[in-house]
PDB file of N, CA and C in Angstrom:
ATOM      1  N   UNK A   1       0.662  -0.073  37.884  1.00  0.00           N
ATOM      2  CA  UNK A   1      -0.966  -0.271  37.883  1.00  0.00           C
ATOM      3  C   UNK A   1      -1.672   0.640  36.742  1.00  0.00           C
ATOM      4  N   UNK A   2      -2.579  -0.038  36.031  1.00  0.00           N
ATOM      5  CA  UNK A   2      -3.371   0.978  34.973  1.00  0.00           C
ATOM      6  C   UNK A   2      -4.564   1.354  35.578  1.00  0.00           C
ATOM      7  N   UNK A   3      -5.140   2.392  35.273  1.00  0.00           N
ATOM      8  CA  UNK A   3      -6.530   3.030  35.971  1.00  0.00           C
ATOM      9  C   UNK A   3      -7.499   2.282  34.721  1.00  0.00           C
ATOM     10  N   UNK A   4      -7.371   1.962  33.795  1.00  0.00           N
ATOM     11  CA  UNK A   4      -8.555   1.895  32.731  1.00  0.00           C
ATOM     12  C   UNK A   4      -8.419   0.261  32.479  1.00  0.00           C
ATOM     13  N   UNK A   5      -8.032  -0.379  33.357  1.00  0.00           N
ATOM     14  CA  UNK A   5      -8.308  -2.083  32.791  1.00  0.00           C
ATOM     15  C   UNK A   5      -9.517  -2.335  32.646  1.00  0.00           C
ATOM     16  N   UNK A   6     -10.574  -2.186  33.515  1.00  0.00           N
ATOM     17  CA  UNK A   6     -11.883  -2.627  33.262  1.00  0.00           C
ATOM     18  C   UNK A   6     -12.802  -1.275  32.257  1.00  0.00           C
ATOM     19  N   UNK A   7     -13.896  -1.331  32.713  1.00  0.00           N
ATOM     20  CA  UNK A   7     -14.630  -0.453  32.157  1.00  0.00           C
ATOM     21  C   UNK A   7     -15.013   1.049  32.673  1.00  0.00           C
ATOM     22  N   UNK A   8     -14.256   1.019  34.143  1.00  0.00           N
ATOM     23  CA  UNK A   8     -14.530   2.237  35.008  1.00  0.00           C
ATOM     24  C   UNK A   8     -12.586   2.836  34.990  1.00  0.00           C
ATOM     25  N   UNK A   9     -12.848   3.737  35.485  1.00  0.00           N
ATOM     26  CA  UNK A   9     -11.404   4.602  36.111  1.00  0.00           C
ATOM     27  C   UNK A   9     -11.175   3.979  37.533  1.00  0.00           C
ATOM     28  N   UNK A  10     -10.360   3.696  37.812  1.00  0.00           N
ATOM     29  CA  UNK A  10     -10.066   3.129  39.298  1.00  0.00           C
ATOM     30  C   UNK A  10      -9.744   4.264  40.389  1.00  0.00           C
ATOM     31  N   UNK A  11      -9.495   5.609  39.850  1.00  0.00           N
ATOM     32  CA  UNK A  11      -9.357   6.408  40.394  1.00  0.00           C
ATOM     33  C   UNK A  11     -10.676   7.639  40.787  1.00  0.00           C
ATOM     34  N   UNK A  12     -11.244   7.797  39.520  1.00  0.00           N
ATOM     35  CA  UNK A  12     -12.134   8.932  39.337  1.00  0.00           C
ATOM     36  C   UNK A  12     -13.646   8.293  39.212  1.00  0.00           C
ATOM     37  N   UNK A  13     -13.710   6.789  39.070  1.00  0.00           N
ATOM     38  CA  UNK A  13     -15.082   6.176  38.883  1.00  0.00           C
ATOM     39  C   UNK A  13     -15.703   6.033  37.747  1.00  0.00           C
ATOM     40  N   UNK A  14     -15.255   7.508  36.503  1.00  0.00           N
ATOM     41  CA  UNK A  14     -15.658   7.456  35.360  1.00  0.00           C
ATOM     42  C   UNK A  14     -15.533   6.664  34.566  1.00  0.00           C
ATOM     43  N   UNK A  15     -16.271   6.511  33.052  1.00  0.00           N
ATOM     44  CA  UNK A  15     -15.842   5.568  32.283  1.00  0.00           C
ATOM     45  C   UNK A  15     -14.740   5.655  31.798  1.00  0.00           C
ATOM     46  N   UNK A  16     -14.049   4.605  31.478  1.00  0.00           N
ATOM     47  CA  UNK A  16     -12.506   4.428  30.929  1.00  0.00           C
ATOM     48  C   UNK A  16     -12.573   5.011  29.542  1.00  0.00           C
ATOM     49  N   UNK A  17     -13.476   4.846  28.679  1.00  0.00           N
ATOM     50  CA  UNK A  17     -13.641   5.140  27.101  1.00  0.00           C
ATOM     51  C   UNK A  17     -13.877   6.561  27.048  1.00  0.00           C
ATOM     52  N   UNK A  18     -14.406   7.358  28.208  1.00  0.00           N
ATOM     53  CA  UNK A  18     -14.784   8.749  27.824  1.00  0.00           C
ATOM     54  C   UNK A  18     -13.901   9.560  28.947  1.00  0.00           C
ATOM     55  N   UNK A  19     -13.370  10.494  28.088  1.00  0.00           N
ATOM     56  CA  UNK A  19     -12.721  11.530  29.002  1.00  0.00           C
ATOM     57  C   UNK A  19     -11.075  11.221  29.198  1.00  0.00           C
ATOM     58  N   UNK A  20     -10.499  12.347  29.901  1.00  0.00           N
ATOM     59  CA  UNK A  20      -8.992  12.152  29.800  1.00  0.00           C
ATOM     60  C   UNK A  20      -8.472  11.743  31.291  1.00  0.00           C
ATOM     61  N   UNK A  21      -7.915  10.610  31.229  1.00  0.00           N
ATOM     62  CA  UNK A  21      -7.740   9.958  32.576  1.00  0.00           C
ATOM     63  C   UNK A  21      -6.307   9.957  32.913  1.00  0.00           C
ATOM     64  N   UNK A  22      -5.351  10.901  32.137  1.00  0.00           N
ATOM     65  CA  UNK A  22      -4.049  11.092  32.320  1.00  0.00           C
ATOM     66  C   UNK A  22      -3.661  11.379  33.985  1.00  0.00           C
ATOM     67  N   UNK A  23      -4.474  12.507  34.479  1.00  0.00           N
ATOM     68  CA  UNK A  23      -4.387  12.841  35.878  1.00  0.00           C
ATOM     69  C   UNK A  23      -4.329  11.686  36.616  1.00  0.00           C
ATOM     70  N   UNK A  24      -5.588  10.755  36.426  1.00  0.00           N
ATOM     71  CA  UNK A  24      -5.924   9.907  37.173  1.00  0.00           C
ATOM     72  C   UNK A  24      -4.859   8.762  37.528  1.00  0.00           C
ATOM     73  N   UNK A  25      -4.017   8.534  35.889  1.00  0.00           N
ATOM     74  CA  UNK A  25      -3.124   7.454  35.953  1.00  0.00           C
ATOM     75  C   UNK A  25      -1.924   8.085  37.057  1.00  0.00           C
ATOM     76  N   UNK A  26      -1.857   9.414  36.569  1.00  0.00           N
ATOM     77  CA  UNK A  26      -0.215  10.083  37.326  1.00  0.00           C
ATOM     78  C   UNK A  26      -0.709   9.896  38.787  1.00  0.00           C
ATOM     79  N   UNK A  27      -1.898  10.108  39.379  1.00  0.00           N
ATOM     80  CA  UNK A  27      -1.954  10.074  40.863  1.00  0.00           C
ATOM     81  C   UNK A  27      -2.012   8.444  41.184  1.00  0.00           C
ATOM     82  N   UNK A  28      -2.469   7.618  40.413  1.00  0.00           N
ATOM     83  CA  UNK A  28      -2.129   6.344  41.032  1.00  0.00           C
ATOM     84  C   UNK A  28      -1.066   5.612  40.823  1.00  0.00           C
ATOM     85  N   UNK A  29      -0.029   6.188  39.832  1.00  0.00           N
ATOM     86  CA  UNK A  29       1.229   5.327  39.705  1.00  0.00           C
ATOM     87  C   UNK A  29       2.114   6.177  40.802  1.00  0.00           C
ATOM     88  N   UNK A  30       1.784   7.299  41.401  1.00  0.00           N
ATOM     89  CA  UNK A  30       2.728   8.001  42.381  1.00  0.00           C
ATOM     90  C   UNK A  30       2.436   7.590  43.778  1.00  0.00           C
ATOM     91  N   UNK A  31       1.180   7.743  44.266  1.00  0.00           N
ATOM     92  CA  UNK A  31       0.916   7.180  45.922  1.00  0.00           C
ATOM     93  C   UNK A  31      -0.395   6.803  46.001  1.00  0.00           C
ATOM     94  N   UNK A  32      -1.190   7.403  45.385  1.00  0.00           N
ATOM     95  CA  UNK A  32      -2.634   6.983  45.649  1.00  0.00           C
ATOM     96  C   UNK A  32      -3.215   5.588  45.147  1.00  0.00           C
ATOM     97  N   UNK A  33      -3.938   4.905  46.135  1.00  0.00           N
ATOM     98  CA  UNK A  33      -4.868   3.711  45.643  1.00  0.00           C
ATOM     99  C   UNK A  33      -6.065   4.034  45.075  1.00  0.00           C
ATOM    100  N   UNK A  34      -6.288   2.948  44.428  1.00  0.00           N
ATOM    101  CA  UNK A  34      -7.678   3.195  43.462  1.00  0.00           C
ATOM    102  C   UNK A  34      -8.868   3.420  44.122  1.00  0.00           C
ATOM    103  N   UNK A  35      -9.734   4.102  44.053  1.00  0.00           N
ATOM    104  CA  UNK A  35     -10.937   4.423  44.778  1.00  0.00           C
ATOM    105  C   UNK A  35     -12.261   3.819  44.206  1.00  0.00           C
ATOM    106  N   UNK A  36     -12.307   3.541  42.962  1.00  0.00           N
ATOM    107  CA  UNK A  36     -13.317   2.732  42.427  1.00  0.00           C
ATOM    108  C   UNK A  36     -12.955   1.512  41.874  1.00  0.00           C
ATOM    109  N   UNK A  37     -13.651   0.525  41.729  1.00  0.00           N
ATOM    110  CA  UNK A  37     -13.346  -0.763  41.019  1.00  0.00           C
ATOM    111  C   UNK A  37     -13.394  -0.533  39.652  1.00  0.00           C
ATOM    112  N   UNK A  38     -12.361  -1.201  39.156  1.00  0.00           N
ATOM    113  CA  UNK A  38     -12.115  -1.017  37.404  1.00  0.00           C
ATOM    114  C   UNK A  38     -13.266  -1.855  36.845  1.00  0.00           C
ATOM    115  N   UNK A  39     -14.033  -2.691  37.576  1.00  0.00           N
ATOM    116  CA  UNK A  39     -14.968  -3.446  36.693  1.00  0.00           C
ATOM    117  C   UNK A  39     -16.319  -3.088  36.914  1.00  0.00           C
ATOM    118  N   UNK A  40     -16.805  -2.467  37.852  1.00  0.00           N
ATOM    119  CA  UNK A  40     -17.762  -2.181  38.089  1.00  0.00           C
ATOM    120  C   UNK A  40     -18.404  -0.511  38.368  1.00  0.00           C
ATOM    121  N   UNK A  41     -17.159   0.082  38.782  1.00  0.00           N
ATOM    122  CA  UNK A  41     -17.547   1.377  38.859  1.00  0.00           C
ATOM    123  C   UNK A  41     -18.005   1.763  40.527  1.00  0.00           C
ATOM    124  N   UNK A  42     -17.781   0.919  41.386  1.00  0.00           N
ATOM    125  CA  UNK A  42     -18.255   0.911  42.753  1.00  0.00           C
ATOM    126  C   UNK A  42     -17.400   1.333  43.536  1.00  0.00           C
ATOM    127  N   UNK A  43     -17.698   2.199  44.655  1.00  0.00           N
ATOM    128  CA  UNK A  43     -16.558   3.020  45.484  1.00  0.00           C
ATOM    129  C   UNK A  43     -16.231   1.493  46.186  1.00  0.00           C
ATOM    130  N   UNK A  44     -14.789   1.646  46.368  1.00  0.00           N
ATOM    131  CA  UNK A  44     -14.168   0.420  47.087  1.00  0.00           C
ATOM    132  C   UNK A  44     -13.673   0.726  48.506  1.00  0.00           C
ATOM    133  N   UNK A  45     -13.807  -0.120  49.629  1.00  0.00           N
ATOM    134  CA  UNK A  45     -13.192   0.368  50.581  1.00  0.00           C
ATOM    135  C   UNK A  45     -11.515   0.242  50.904  1.00  0.00           C
ATOM    136  N   UNK A  46     -10.827   1.333  51.373  1.00  0.00           N
ATOM    137  CA  UNK A  46      -9.824   1.418  50.963  1.00  0.00           C
ATOM    138  C   UNK A  46      -9.044   1.741  52.389  1.00  0.00           C
ATOM    139  N   UNK A  47      -7.815   0.968  52.424  1.00  0.00           N
ATOM    140  CA  UNK A  47      -7.551   1.206  53.875  1.00  0.00           C
ATOM    141  C   UNK A  47      -5.887   1.192  53.440  1.00  0.00           C
ATOM    142  N   UNK A  48      -5.049   2.279  54.349  1.00  0.00           N
ATOM    143  CA  UNK A  48      -3.704   2.642  53.832  1.00  0.00           C
ATOM    144  C   UNK A  48      -2.981   2.427  55.216  1.00  0.00           C
ATOM    145  N   UNK A  49      -1.968   1.733  55.114  1.00  0.00           N
ATOM    146  CA  UNK A  49      -1.151   1.525  56.299  1.00  0.00           C
ATOM    147  C   UNK A  49       0.312   1.896  55.742  1.00  0.00           C
ATOM    148  N   UNK A  50       1.138   1.892  56.900  1.00  0.00           N
ATOM    149  CA  UNK A  50       2.844   2.258  56.600  1.00  0.00           C
ATOM    150  C   UNK A  50       3.456   1.098  55.277  1.00  0.00           C
ATOM    151  N   UNK A  51       2.928   0.056  55.295  1.00  0.00           N
ATOM    152  CA  UNK A  51       3.266  -1.016  54.235  1.00  0.00           C
ATOM    153  C   UNK A  51       2.929  -0.912  53.139  1.00  0.00           C
ATOM    154  N   UNK A  52       1.540  -0.216  52.683  1.00  0.00           N
ATOM    155  CA  UNK A  52       0.970  -0.265  51.450  1.00  0.00           C
ATOM    156  C   UNK A  52      -0.413   0.303  51.573  1.00  0.00           C
ATOM    157  N   UNK A  53      -1.213  -0.378  50.695  1.00  0.00           N
ATOM    158  CA  UNK A  53      -2.674  -0.119  50.675  1.00  0.00           C
ATOM    159  C   UNK A  53      -3.613  -1.547  50.246  1.00  0.00           C
ATOM    160  N   UNK A  54      -4.945  -1.714  50.649  1.00  0.00           N
ATOM    161  CA  UNK A  54      -5.615  -2.736  50.565  1.00  0.00           C
ATOM    162  C   UNK A  54      -7.091  -1.834  49.787  1.00  0.00           C
ATOM    163  N   UNK A  55      -7.626  -2.396  48.783  1.00  0.00           N
ATOM    164  CA  UNK A  55      -8.744  -1.900  48.406  1.00  0.00           C
ATOM    165  C   UNK A  55      -9.600  -3.198  48.098  1.00  0.00           C
ATOM    166  N   UNK A  56     -10.735  -2.954  48.467  1.00  0.00           N
ATOM    167  CA  UNK A  56     -11.978  -4.293  48.336  1.00  0.00           C
ATOM    168  C   UNK A  56     -13.093  -3.667  47.885  1.00  0.00           C
ATOM    169  N   UNK A  57     -13.634  -4.246  46.737  1.00  0.00           N
ATOM    170  CA  UNK A  57     -15.130  -4.000  46.014  1.00  0.00           C
ATOM    171  C   UNK A  57     -15.887  -5.046  46.564  1.00  0.00           C
ATOM    172  N   UNK A  58     -17.059  -4.969  47.053  1.00  0.00           N
ATOM    173  CA  UNK A  58     -17.933  -5.804  47.528  1.00  0.00           C
ATOM    174  C   UNK A  58     -18.526  -6.848  46.612  1.00  0.00           C
ATOM    175  N   UNK A  59     -18.011  -6.727  45.229  1.00  0.00           N
ATOM    176  CA  UNK A  59     -18.659  -7.446  44.426  1.00  0.00           C
ATOM    177  C   UNK A  59     -17.572  -8.331  43.773  1.00  0.00           C
ATOM    178  N   UNK A  60     -16.177  -7.602  43.629  1.00  0.00           N
ATOM    179  CA  UNK A  60     -15.111  -8.202  42.968  1.00  0.00           C
ATOM    180  C   UNK A  60     -13.788  -8.441  43.551  1.00  0.00           C
ATOM    181  N   UNK A  61     -13.940  -8.619  44.903  1.00  0.00           N
ATOM    182  CA  UNK A  61     -12.656  -8.795  45.754  1.00  0.00           C
ATOM    183  C   UNK A  61     -11.667  -7.667  46.234  1.00  0.00           C
ATOM    184  N   UNK A  62     -10.678  -8.176  46.720  1.00  0.00           N
ATOM    185  CA  UNK A  62      -9.905  -7.638  47.191  1.00  0.00           C
ATOM    186  C   UNK A  62      -8.277  -7.246  45.906  1.00  0.00           C
ATOM    187  N   UNK A  63      -7.929  -6.027  46.110  1.00  0.00           N
ATOM    188  CA  UNK A  63      -6.484  -5.675  45.618  1.00  0.00           C
ATOM    189  C   UNK A  63      -5.738  -4.987  46.710  1.00  0.00           C
ATOM    190  N   UNK A  64      -4.453  -5.199  46.135  1.00  0.00           N
ATOM    191  CA  UNK A  64      -3.327  -4.935  47.217  1.00  0.00           C
ATOM    192  C   UNK A  64      -2.208  -4.095  46.281  1.00  0.00           C
ATOM    193  N   UNK A  65      -1.315  -3.204  46.919  1.00  0.00           N
ATOM    194  CA  UNK A  65      -0.357  -2.910  45.691  1.00  0.00           C
ATOM    195  C   UNK A  65       0.871  -3.736  45.833  1.00  0.00           C
ATOM    196  N   UNK A  66       1.442  -3.818  45.110  1.00  0.00           N
ATOM    197  CA  UNK A  66       2.750  -4.747  44.723  1.00  0.00           C
ATOM    198  C   UNK A  66       3.974  -4.554  45.859  1.00  0.00           C
ATOM    199  N   UNK A  67       3.933  -3.473  46.310  1.00  0.00           N
ATOM    200  CA  UNK A  67       4.927  -3.376  47.754  1.00  0.00           C
ATOM    201  C   UNK A  67       4.603  -4.079  49.090  1.00  0.00           C
ATOM    202  N   UNK A  68       3.267  -4.241  49.330  1.00  0.00           N
ATOM    203  CA  UNK A  68       2.816  -4.743  50.488  1.00  0.00           C
ATOM    204  C   UNK A  68       3.386  -5.972  50.785  1.00  0.00           C
ATOM    205  N   UNK A  69       3.496  -6.076  51.731  1.00  0.00           N
ATOM    206  CA  UNK A  69       4.044  -7.372  52.191  1.00  0.00           C
ATOM    207  C   UNK A  69       4.631  -8.473  51.395  1.00  0.00           C
TER     208      UNK A  69
END
């Protein structure tokens, strides 16, 4: 998963074009689910369970990790 697919970083919520998001990419690639929508920068509703995680943006829908179910 890439943290800068859209306009915003999906880990810290900052603009993808500004700043260094290497730490964000490392966190997302290891264990942490995205916290911010990469399309609009809104905080997402995140649910973590033993099988993986689900993140939902009120405007852009739901994202799940590939290992889930």
